[in-house]
């Protein structure tokens, strides 16, 4: 991933506190947290060995990483597509700068 790309530049200017406040009241996120809590409680009840827990953790981590990278690529693609569209529109319609 390009460390100086548009997504990274935008992310660098975002305040984490703002997102944290939004997440505290976002119903979808709070519902997802509750589902996560229940799933981990069920996992704990399985009384897995240390090796089994390591493998489950590895699988969850790999899945989360794939989802995060997918989201970043999709967001960046959308931003690039939006910028490209704006550039094309500027050639047709002169937007104020």
PDB file of N, CA and C in Angstrom:
ATOM      1  N   UNK A   1       0.836  -1.173   0.000  1.00  0.00           N
ATOM      2  CA  UNK A   1       0.000   0.000   0.000  1.00  0.00           C
ATOM      3  C   UNK A   1       0.881   1.237   0.000  1.00  0.00           C
ATOM      4  N   UNK A   2       0.556   2.220  -0.803  1.00  0.00           N
ATOM      5  CA  UNK A   2       1.326   3.449  -0.906  1.00  0.00           C
ATOM      6  C   UNK A   2       1.139   4.265   0.362  1.00  0.00           C
ATOM      7  N   UNK A   3       2.214   4.454   1.118  1.00  0.00           N
ATOM      8  CA  UNK A   3       2.142   5.171   2.393  1.00  0.00           C
ATOM      9  C   UNK A   3       1.894   6.654   2.208  1.00  0.00           C
ATOM     10  N   UNK A   4       2.071   7.182   0.990  1.00  0.00           N
ATOM     11  CA  UNK A   4       1.818   8.588   0.717  1.00  0.00           C
ATOM     12  C   UNK A   4       0.601   8.766  -0.185  1.00  0.00           C
ATOM     13  N   UNK A   5      -0.232   7.738  -0.259  1.00  0.00           N
ATOM     14  CA  UNK A   5      -1.412   7.795  -1.104  1.00  0.00           C
ATOM     15  C   UNK A   5      -2.505   8.665  -0.508  1.00  0.00           C
ATOM     16  N   UNK A   6      -3.526   8.899  -1.292  1.00  0.00           N
ATOM     17  CA  UNK A   6      -4.626   9.767  -0.893  1.00  0.00           C
ATOM     18  C   UNK A   6      -5.304   9.284   0.387  1.00  0.00           C
ATOM     19  N   UNK A   7      -5.560   7.976   0.479  1.00  0.00           N
ATOM     20  CA  UNK A   7      -6.215   7.436   1.671  1.00  0.00           C
ATOM     21  C   UNK A   7      -5.401   7.735   2.919  1.00  0.00           C
ATOM     22  N   UNK A   8      -4.087   7.551   2.841  1.00  0.00           N
ATOM     23  CA  UNK A   8      -3.230   7.772   3.992  1.00  0.00           C
ATOM     24  C   UNK A   8      -3.169   9.256   4.358  1.00  0.00           C
ATOM     25  N   UNK A   9      -3.167  10.133   3.360  1.00  0.00           N
ATOM     26  CA  UNK A   9      -3.152  11.575   3.615  1.00  0.00           C
ATOM     27  C   UNK A   9      -4.438  11.999   4.314  1.00  0.00           C
ATOM     28  N   UNK A  10      -5.574  11.509   3.824  1.00  0.00           N
ATOM     29  CA  UNK A  10      -6.863  11.842   4.451  1.00  0.00           C
ATOM     30  C   UNK A  10      -6.911  11.299   5.871  1.00  0.00           C
ATOM     31  N   UNK A  11      -6.487  10.055   6.043  1.00  0.00           N
ATOM     32  CA  UNK A  11      -6.520   9.431   7.369  1.00  0.00           C
ATOM     33  C   UNK A  11      -5.640  10.183   8.355  1.00  0.00           C
ATOM     34  N   UNK A  12      -4.525  10.724   7.899  1.00  0.00           N
ATOM     35  CA  UNK A  12      -3.613  11.446   8.783  1.00  0.00           C
ATOM     36  C   UNK A  12      -4.256  12.713   9.327  1.00  0.00           C
ATOM     37  N   UNK A  13      -5.239  13.244   8.635  1.00  0.00           N
ATOM     38  CA  UNK A  13      -5.889  14.486   9.065  1.00  0.00           C
ATOM     39  C   UNK A  13      -7.156  14.254   9.883  1.00  0.00           C
ATOM     40  N   UNK A  14      -7.537  13.006  10.042  1.00  0.00           N
ATOM     41  CA  UNK A  14      -8.723  12.680  10.832  1.00  0.00           C
ATOM     42  C   UNK A  14      -8.346  12.583  12.303  1.00  0.00           C
ATOM     43  N   UNK A  15      -9.214  13.000  13.172  1.00  0.00           N
ATOM     44  CA  UNK A  15      -8.974  12.879  14.610  1.00  0.00           C
ATOM     45  C   UNK A  15      -9.639  11.600  15.102  1.00  0.00           C
ATOM     46  N   UNK A  16      -8.863  10.738  15.748  1.00  0.00           N
ATOM     47  CA  UNK A  16      -9.409   9.488  16.263  1.00  0.00           C
ATOM     48  C   UNK A  16     -10.544   9.725  17.241  1.00  0.00           C
ATOM     49  N   UNK A  17     -10.469  10.803  18.004  1.00  0.00           N
ATOM     50  CA  UNK A  17     -11.505  11.093  18.988  1.00  0.00           C
ATOM     51  C   UNK A  17     -12.864  11.276  18.331  1.00  0.00           C
ATOM     52  N   UNK A  18     -12.904  11.899  17.160  1.00  0.00           N
ATOM     53  CA  UNK A  18     -14.166  12.106  16.453  1.00  0.00           C
ATOM     54  C   UNK A  18     -14.817  10.766  16.118  1.00  0.00           C
ATOM     55  N   UNK A  19     -14.049   9.849  15.583  1.00  0.00           N
ATOM     56  CA  UNK A  19     -14.577   8.540  15.221  1.00  0.00           C
ATOM     57  C   UNK A  19     -15.029   7.786  16.462  1.00  0.00           C
ATOM     58  N   UNK A  20     -14.250   7.839  17.525  1.00  0.00           N
ATOM     59  CA  UNK A  20     -14.625   7.158  18.767  1.00  0.00           C
ATOM     60  C   UNK A  20     -15.986   7.637  19.274  1.00  0.00           C
ATOM     61  N   UNK A  21     -16.228   8.922  19.194  1.00  0.00           N
ATOM     62  CA  UNK A  21     -17.512   9.478  19.641  1.00  0.00           C
ATOM     63  C   UNK A  21     -18.659   8.996  18.762  1.00  0.00           C
ATOM     64  N   UNK A  22     -18.440   8.933  17.471  1.00  0.00           N
ATOM     65  CA  UNK A  22     -19.471   8.454  16.542  1.00  0.00           C
ATOM     66  C   UNK A  22     -19.779   6.985  16.821  1.00  0.00           C
ATOM     67  N   UNK A  23     -18.725   6.173  17.021  1.00  0.00           N
ATOM     68  CA  UNK A  23     -18.914   4.743  17.249  1.00  0.00           C
ATOM     69  C   UNK A  23     -19.687   4.449  18.524  1.00  0.00           C
ATOM     70  N   UNK A  24     -19.544   5.288  19.534  1.00  0.00           N
ATOM     71  CA  UNK A  24     -20.252   5.081  20.800  1.00  0.00           C
ATOM     72  C   UNK A  24     -21.764   5.113  20.623  1.00  0.00           C
ATOM     73  N   UNK A  25     -22.227   5.836  19.631  1.00  0.00           N
ATOM     74  CA  UNK A  25     -23.673   5.976  19.434  1.00  0.00           C
ATOM     75  C   UNK A  25     -24.187   5.318  18.156  1.00  0.00           C
ATOM     76  N   UNK A  26     -23.285   4.696  17.383  1.00  0.00           N
ATOM     77  CA  UNK A  26     -23.702   4.062  16.139  1.00  0.00           C
ATOM     78  C   UNK A  26     -24.313   2.689  16.434  1.00  0.00           C
ATOM     79  N   UNK A  27     -25.592   2.523  16.118  1.00  0.00           N
ATOM     80  CA  UNK A  27     -26.301   1.279  16.433  1.00  0.00           C
ATOM     81  C   UNK A  27     -25.684   0.069  15.736  1.00  0.00           C
ATOM     82  N   UNK A  28     -25.345   0.196  14.471  1.00  0.00           N
ATOM     83  CA  UNK A  28     -24.756  -0.937  13.745  1.00  0.00           C
ATOM     84  C   UNK A  28     -23.453  -1.387  14.402  1.00  0.00           C
ATOM     85  N   UNK A  29     -22.619  -0.427  14.770  1.00  0.00           N
ATOM     86  CA  UNK A  29     -21.342  -0.777  15.407  1.00  0.00           C
ATOM     87  C   UNK A  29     -21.573  -1.390  16.783  1.00  0.00           C
ATOM     88  N   UNK A  30     -22.478  -0.827  17.550  1.00  0.00           N
ATOM     89  CA  UNK A  30     -22.768  -1.364  18.884  1.00  0.00           C
ATOM     90  C   UNK A  30     -23.355  -2.768  18.793  1.00  0.00           C
ATOM     91  N   UNK A  31     -24.213  -3.015  17.801  1.00  0.00           N
ATOM     92  CA  UNK A  31     -24.758  -4.360  17.580  1.00  0.00           C
ATOM     93  C   UNK A  31     -23.642  -5.345  17.219  1.00  0.00           C
ATOM     94  N   UNK A  32     -22.712  -4.893  16.373  1.00  0.00           N
ATOM     95  CA  UNK A  32     -21.591  -5.745  15.982  1.00  0.00           C
ATOM     96  C   UNK A  32     -20.710  -6.068  17.192  1.00  0.00           C
ATOM     97  N   UNK A  33     -20.493  -5.101  18.059  1.00  0.00           N
ATOM     98  CA  UNK A  33     -19.716  -5.346  19.278  1.00  0.00           C
ATOM     99  C   UNK A  33     -20.391  -6.389  20.164  1.00  0.00           C
ATOM    100  N   UNK A  34     -21.700  -6.311  20.264  1.00  0.00           N
ATOM    101  CA  UNK A  34     -22.438  -7.277  21.080  1.00  0.00           C
ATOM    102  C   UNK A  34     -22.321  -8.682  20.486  1.00  0.00           C
ATOM    103  N   UNK A  35     -22.440  -8.786  19.174  1.00  0.00           N
ATOM    104  CA  UNK A  35     -22.276 -10.091  18.508  1.00  0.00           C
ATOM    105  C   UNK A  35     -20.866 -10.633  18.746  1.00  0.00           C
ATOM    106  N   UNK A  36     -19.885  -9.766  18.671  1.00  0.00           N
ATOM    107  CA  UNK A  36     -18.503 -10.172  18.908  1.00  0.00           C
ATOM    108  C   UNK A  36     -18.338 -10.688  20.344  1.00  0.00           C
ATOM    109  N   UNK A  37     -18.897  -9.976  21.290  1.00  0.00           N
ATOM    110  CA  UNK A  37     -18.812 -10.374  22.701  1.00  0.00           C
ATOM    111  C   UNK A  37     -19.431 -11.762  22.904  1.00  0.00           C
ATOM    112  N   UNK A  38     -20.590 -11.986  22.313  1.00  0.00           N
ATOM    113  CA  UNK A  38     -21.260 -13.276  22.438  1.00  0.00           C
ATOM    114  C   UNK A  38     -20.446 -14.394  21.775  1.00  0.00           C
ATOM    115  N   UNK A  39     -19.878 -14.118  20.607  1.00  0.00           N
ATOM    116  CA  UNK A  39     -19.087 -15.128  19.900  1.00  0.00           C
ATOM    117  C   UNK A  39     -17.842 -15.503  20.697  1.00  0.00           C
ATOM    118  N   UNK A  40     -17.178 -14.523  21.268  1.00  0.00           N
ATOM    119  CA  UNK A  40     -15.989 -14.818  22.059  1.00  0.00           C
ATOM    120  C   UNK A  40     -16.334 -15.547  23.352  1.00  0.00           C
ATOM    121  N   UNK A  41     -17.487 -15.264  23.919  1.00  0.00           N
ATOM    122  CA  UNK A  41     -17.933 -16.001  25.104  1.00  0.00           C
ATOM    123  C   UNK A  41     -18.172 -17.469  24.742  1.00  0.00           C
ATOM    124  N   UNK A  42     -18.788 -17.715  23.592  1.00  0.00           N
ATOM    125  CA  UNK A  42     -19.019 -19.089  23.141  1.00  0.00           C
ATOM    126  C   UNK A  42     -17.691 -19.792  22.878  1.00  0.00           C
ATOM    127  N   UNK A  43     -16.762 -19.088  22.299  1.00  0.00           N
ATOM    128  CA  UNK A  43     -15.439 -19.644  22.026  1.00  0.00           C
ATOM    129  C   UNK A  43     -14.736 -20.022  23.326  1.00  0.00           C
ATOM    130  N   UNK A  44     -14.848 -19.182  24.318  1.00  0.00           N
ATOM    131  CA  UNK A  44     -14.216 -19.452  25.616  1.00  0.00           C
ATOM    132  C   UNK A  44     -14.824 -20.699  26.270  1.00  0.00           C
ATOM    133  N   UNK A  45     -16.125 -20.911  26.083  1.00  0.00           N
ATOM    134  CA  UNK A  45     -16.798 -22.077  26.653  1.00  0.00           C
ATOM    135  C   UNK A  45     -16.304 -23.394  26.048  1.00  0.00           C
ATOM    136  N   UNK A  46     -15.677 -23.334  24.883  1.00  0.00           N
ATOM    137  CA  UNK A  46     -15.175 -24.552  24.256  1.00  0.00           C
ATOM    138  C   UNK A  46     -13.964 -25.133  24.985  1.00  0.00           C
ATOM    139  N   UNK A  47     -13.344 -24.324  25.823  1.00  0.00           N
ATOM    140  CA  UNK A  47     -12.191 -24.778  26.618  1.00  0.00           C
ATOM    141  C   UNK A  47     -11.105 -25.381  25.715  1.00  0.00           C
ATOM    142  N   UNK A  48     -10.691 -24.612  24.727  1.00  0.00           N
ATOM    143  CA  UNK A  48      -9.690 -25.069  23.770  1.00  0.00           C
ATOM    144  C   UNK A  48      -8.298 -25.121  24.396  1.00  0.00           C
ATOM    145  N   UNK A  49      -7.444 -25.938  23.808  1.00  0.00           N
ATOM    146  CA  UNK A  49      -6.049 -25.982  24.243  1.00  0.00           C
ATOM    147  C   UNK A  49      -5.351 -24.709  23.770  1.00  0.00           C
ATOM    148  N   UNK A  50      -4.155 -24.453  24.283  1.00  0.00           N
ATOM    149  CA  UNK A  50      -3.398 -23.271  23.880  1.00  0.00           C
ATOM    150  C   UNK A  50      -3.127 -23.282  22.379  1.00  0.00           C
ATOM    151  N   UNK A  51      -2.799 -24.443  21.826  1.00  0.00           N
ATOM    152  CA  UNK A  51      -2.525 -24.548  20.389  1.00  0.00           C
ATOM    153  C   UNK A  51      -3.789 -24.282  19.572  1.00  0.00           C
ATOM    154  N   UNK A  52      -4.920 -24.814  20.016  1.00  0.00           N
ATOM    155  CA  UNK A  52      -6.180 -24.572  19.314  1.00  0.00           C
ATOM    156  C   UNK A  52      -6.538 -23.086  19.361  1.00  0.00           C
ATOM    157  N   UNK A  53      -6.335 -22.451  20.514  1.00  0.00           N
ATOM    158  CA  UNK A  53      -6.608 -21.011  20.631  1.00  0.00           C
ATOM    159  C   UNK A  53      -5.706 -20.216  19.698  1.00  0.00           C
ATOM    160  N   UNK A  54      -4.429 -20.635  19.567  1.00  0.00           N
ATOM    161  CA  UNK A  54      -3.495 -19.953  18.686  1.00  0.00           C
ATOM    162  C   UNK A  54      -3.966 -20.033  17.240  1.00  0.00           C
ATOM    163  N   UNK A  55      -4.436 -21.197  16.817  1.00  0.00           N
ATOM    164  CA  UNK A  55      -4.904 -21.383  15.447  1.00  0.00           C
ATOM    165  C   UNK A  55      -6.175 -20.559  15.203  1.00  0.00           C
ATOM    166  N   UNK A  56      -7.097 -20.570  16.149  1.00  0.00           N
ATOM    167  CA  UNK A  56      -8.318 -19.768  16.013  1.00  0.00           C
ATOM    168  C   UNK A  56      -7.952 -18.289  15.926  1.00  0.00           C
ATOM    169  N   UNK A  57      -7.027 -17.839  16.785  1.00  0.00           N
ATOM    170  CA  UNK A  57      -6.589 -16.450  16.768  1.00  0.00           C
ATOM    171  C   UNK A  57      -5.959 -16.094  15.428  1.00  0.00           C
ATOM    172  N   UNK A  58      -5.133 -16.992  14.899  1.00  0.00           N
ATOM    173  CA  UNK A  58      -4.495 -16.767  13.605  1.00  0.00           C
ATOM    174  C   UNK A  58      -5.545 -16.631  12.502  1.00  0.00           C
ATOM    175  N   UNK A  59      -6.553 -17.492  12.529  1.00  0.00           N
ATOM    176  CA  UNK A  59      -7.609 -17.447  11.508  1.00  0.00           C
ATOM    177  C   UNK A  59      -8.410 -16.146  11.604  1.00  0.00           C
ATOM    178  N   UNK A  60      -8.749 -15.747  12.830  1.00  0.00           N
ATOM    179  CA  UNK A  60      -9.508 -14.507  13.025  1.00  0.00           C
ATOM    180  C   UNK A  60      -8.677 -13.305  12.578  1.00  0.00           C
ATOM    181  N   UNK A  61      -7.406 -13.294  12.947  1.00  0.00           N
ATOM    182  CA  UNK A  61      -6.516 -12.195  12.575  1.00  0.00           C
ATOM    183  C   UNK A  61      -6.367 -12.093  11.063  1.00  0.00           C
ATOM    184  N   UNK A  62      -6.170 -13.230  10.397  1.00  0.00           N
ATOM    185  CA  UNK A  62      -6.039 -13.230   8.940  1.00  0.00           C
ATOM    186  C   UNK A  62      -7.322 -12.742   8.276  1.00  0.00           C
ATOM    187  N   UNK A  63      -8.460 -13.162   8.793  1.00  0.00           N
ATOM    188  CA  UNK A  63      -9.745 -12.729   8.248  1.00  0.00           C
ATOM    189  C   UNK A  63      -9.930 -11.221   8.439  1.00  0.00           C
ATOM    190  N   UNK A  64      -9.628 -10.718   9.624  1.00  0.00           N
ATOM    191  CA  UNK A  64      -9.751  -9.285   9.891  1.00  0.00           C
ATOM    192  C   UNK A  64      -8.821  -8.472   8.992  1.00  0.00           C
ATOM    193  N   UNK A  65      -7.601  -8.964   8.824  1.00  0.00           N
ATOM    194  CA  UNK A  65      -6.632  -8.246   7.990  1.00  0.00           C
ATOM    195  C   UNK A  65      -7.115  -8.175   6.542  1.00  0.00           C
ATOM    196  N   UNK A  66      -7.624  -9.295   6.031  1.00  0.00           N
ATOM    197  CA  UNK A  66      -8.135  -9.317   4.661  1.00  0.00           C
ATOM    198  C   UNK A  66      -9.285  -8.324   4.500  1.00  0.00           C
ATOM    199  N   UNK A  67     -10.202  -8.312   5.467  1.00  0.00           N
ATOM    200  CA  UNK A  67     -11.324  -7.371   5.407  1.00  0.00           C
ATOM    201  C   UNK A  67     -10.869  -5.919   5.467  1.00  0.00           C
ATOM    202  N   UNK A  68      -9.877  -5.636   6.309  1.00  0.00           N
ATOM    203  CA  UNK A  68      -9.363  -4.272   6.432  1.00  0.00           C
ATOM    204  C   UNK A  68      -8.679  -3.827   5.139  1.00  0.00           C
ATOM    205  N   UNK A  69      -7.872  -4.689   4.564  1.00  0.00           N
ATOM    206  CA  UNK A  69      -7.188  -4.354   3.314  1.00  0.00           C
ATOM    207  C   UNK A  69      -8.208  -4.184   2.188  1.00  0.00           C
ATOM    208  N   UNK A  70      -9.197  -5.063   2.137  1.00  0.00           N
ATOM    209  CA  UNK A  70     -10.259  -4.943   1.128  1.00  0.00           C
ATOM    210  C   UNK A  70     -10.952  -3.582   1.260  1.00  0.00           C
ATOM    211  N   UNK A  71     -11.313  -3.221   2.487  1.00  0.00           N
ATOM    212  CA  UNK A  71     -11.983  -1.938   2.715  1.00  0.00           C
ATOM    213  C   UNK A  71     -11.125  -0.756   2.297  1.00  0.00           C
ATOM    214  N   UNK A  72      -9.835  -0.812   2.617  1.00  0.00           N
ATOM    215  CA  UNK A  72      -8.926   0.274   2.246  1.00  0.00           C
ATOM    216  C   UNK A  72      -8.799   0.391   0.730  1.00  0.00           C
ATOM    217  N   UNK A  73      -8.662  -0.743   0.067  1.00  0.00           N
ATOM    218  CA  UNK A  73      -8.537  -0.728  -1.400  1.00  0.00           C
ATOM    219  C   UNK A  73      -9.830  -0.210  -2.028  1.00  0.00           C
ATOM    220  N   UNK A  74     -10.972  -0.678  -1.528  1.00  0.00           N
ATOM    221  CA  UNK A  74     -12.264  -0.238  -2.069  1.00  0.00           C
ATOM    222  C   UNK A  74     -12.464   1.258  -1.849  1.00  0.00           C
ATOM    223  N   UNK A  75     -12.098   1.746  -0.666  1.00  0.00           N
ATOM    224  CA  UNK A  75     -12.236   3.174  -0.362  1.00  0.00           C
ATOM    225  C   UNK A  75     -11.329   3.991  -1.273  1.00  0.00           C
ATOM    226  N   UNK A  76     -10.070   3.555  -1.400  1.00  0.00           N
ATOM    227  CA  UNK A  76      -9.110   4.267  -2.238  1.00  0.00           C
ATOM    228  C   UNK A  76      -9.578   4.271  -3.695  1.00  0.00           C
ATOM    229  N   UNK A  77     -10.089   3.126  -4.170  1.00  0.00           N
ATOM    230  CA  UNK A  77     -10.597   3.043  -5.535  1.00  0.00           C
ATOM    231  C   UNK A  77     -11.751   4.029  -5.730  1.00  0.00           C
ATOM    232  N   UNK A  78     -12.652   4.081  -4.750  1.00  0.00           N
ATOM    233  CA  UNK A  78     -13.778   5.010  -4.824  1.00  0.00           C
ATOM    234  C   UNK A  78     -13.315   6.455  -4.840  1.00  0.00           C
ATOM    235  N   UNK A  79     -12.307   6.769  -4.003  1.00  0.00           N
ATOM    236  CA  UNK A  79     -11.776   8.128  -3.981  1.00  0.00           C
ATOM    237  C   UNK A  79     -11.117   8.467  -5.317  1.00  0.00           C
ATOM    238  N   UNK A  80     -10.314   7.544  -5.834  1.00  0.00           N
ATOM    239  CA  UNK A  80      -9.644   7.782  -7.114  1.00  0.00           C
ATOM    240  C   UNK A  80     -10.664   7.939  -8.233  1.00  0.00           C
ATOM    241  N   UNK A  81     -11.716   7.126  -8.189  1.00  0.00           N
ATOM    242  CA  UNK A  81     -12.764   7.210  -9.193  1.00  0.00           C
ATOM    243  C   UNK A  81     -13.481   8.557  -9.089  1.00  0.00           C
ATOM    244  N   UNK A  82     -13.737   9.005  -7.858  1.00  0.00           N
ATOM    245  CA  UNK A  82     -14.374  10.304  -7.641  1.00  0.00           C
ATOM    246  C   UNK A  82     -13.514  11.449  -8.139  1.00  0.00           C
ATOM    247  N   UNK A  83     -12.218  11.368  -7.876  1.00  0.00           N
ATOM    248  CA  UNK A  83     -11.289  12.403  -8.341  1.00  0.00           C
ATOM    249  C   UNK A  83     -11.229  12.412  -9.859  1.00  0.00           C
ATOM    250  N   UNK A  84     -11.177  11.225 -10.444  1.00  0.00           N
ATOM    251  CA  UNK A  84     -11.144  11.106 -11.906  1.00  0.00           C
ATOM    252  C   UNK A  84     -12.424  11.706 -12.514  1.00  0.00           C
ATOM    253  N   UNK A  85     -13.575  11.423 -11.906  1.00  0.00           N
ATOM    254  CA  UNK A  85     -14.843  11.955 -12.398  1.00  0.00           C
ATOM    255  C   UNK A  85     -14.856  13.470 -12.288  1.00  0.00           C
ATOM    256  N   UNK A  86     -14.394  13.976 -11.149  1.00  0.00           N
ATOM    257  CA  UNK A  86     -14.356  15.432 -10.955  1.00  0.00           C
ATOM    258  C   UNK A  86     -13.456  16.077 -12.010  1.00  0.00           C
ATOM    259  N   UNK A  87     -12.313  15.481 -12.279  1.00  0.00           N
ATOM    260  CA  UNK A  87     -11.386  16.008 -13.288  1.00  0.00           C
ATOM    261  C   UNK A  87     -12.037  16.021 -14.660  1.00  0.00           C
ATOM    262  N   UNK A  88     -12.742  14.953 -14.986  1.00  0.00           N
ATOM    263  CA  UNK A  88     -13.430  14.897 -16.281  1.00  0.00           C
ATOM    264  C   UNK A  88     -14.531  15.947 -16.355  1.00  0.00           C
ATOM    265  N   UNK A  89     -15.256  16.127 -15.252  1.00  0.00           N
ATOM    266  CA  UNK A  89     -16.330  17.118 -15.227  1.00  0.00           C
ATOM    267  C   UNK A  89     -15.777  18.534 -15.344  1.00  0.00           C
ATOM    268  N   UNK A  90     -14.605  18.780 -14.751  1.00  0.00           N
ATOM    269  CA  UNK A  90     -13.998  20.110 -14.842  1.00  0.00           C
ATOM    270  C   UNK A  90     -13.665  20.466 -16.274  1.00  0.00           C
ATOM    271  N   UNK A  91     -13.379  19.466 -17.097  1.00  0.00           N
ATOM    272  CA  UNK A  91     -13.097  19.713 -18.505  1.00  0.00           C
ATOM    273  C   UNK A  91     -14.363  20.153 -19.251  1.00  0.00           C
ATOM    274  N   UNK A  92     -15.506  19.679 -18.746  1.00  0.00           N
ATOM    275  CA  UNK A  92     -16.789  19.996 -19.396  1.00  0.00           C
ATOM    276  C   UNK A  92     -17.420  21.239 -18.785  1.00  0.00           C
ATOM    277  N   UNK A  93     -17.445  21.254 -17.440  1.00  0.00           N
ATOM    278  CA  UNK A  93     -18.058  22.360 -16.693  1.00  0.00           C
ATOM    279  C   UNK A  93     -16.961  22.978 -15.862  1.00  0.00           C
ATOM    280  N   UNK A  94     -16.809  24.257 -15.894  1.00  0.00           N
ATOM    281  CA  UNK A  94     -15.751  24.906 -15.127  1.00  0.00           C
ATOM    282  C   UNK A  94     -16.224  25.152 -13.693  1.00  0.00           C
ATOM    283  N   UNK A  95     -15.808  24.231 -12.775  1.00  0.00           N
ATOM    284  CA  UNK A  95     -16.120  24.369 -11.356  1.00  0.00           C
ATOM    285  C   UNK A  95     -15.259  25.460 -10.749  1.00  0.00           C
ATOM    286  N   UNK A  96     -15.808  26.207  -9.805  1.00  0.00           N
ATOM    287  CA  UNK A  96     -14.959  27.175  -9.105  1.00  0.00           C
ATOM    288  C   UNK A  96     -13.913  26.448  -8.274  1.00  0.00           C
ATOM    289  N   UNK A  97     -12.717  26.967  -8.217  1.00  0.00           N
ATOM    290  CA  UNK A  97     -11.627  26.331  -7.460  1.00  0.00           C
ATOM    291  C   UNK A  97     -11.719  26.621  -6.008  1.00  0.00           C
TER     292      UNK A  97
END
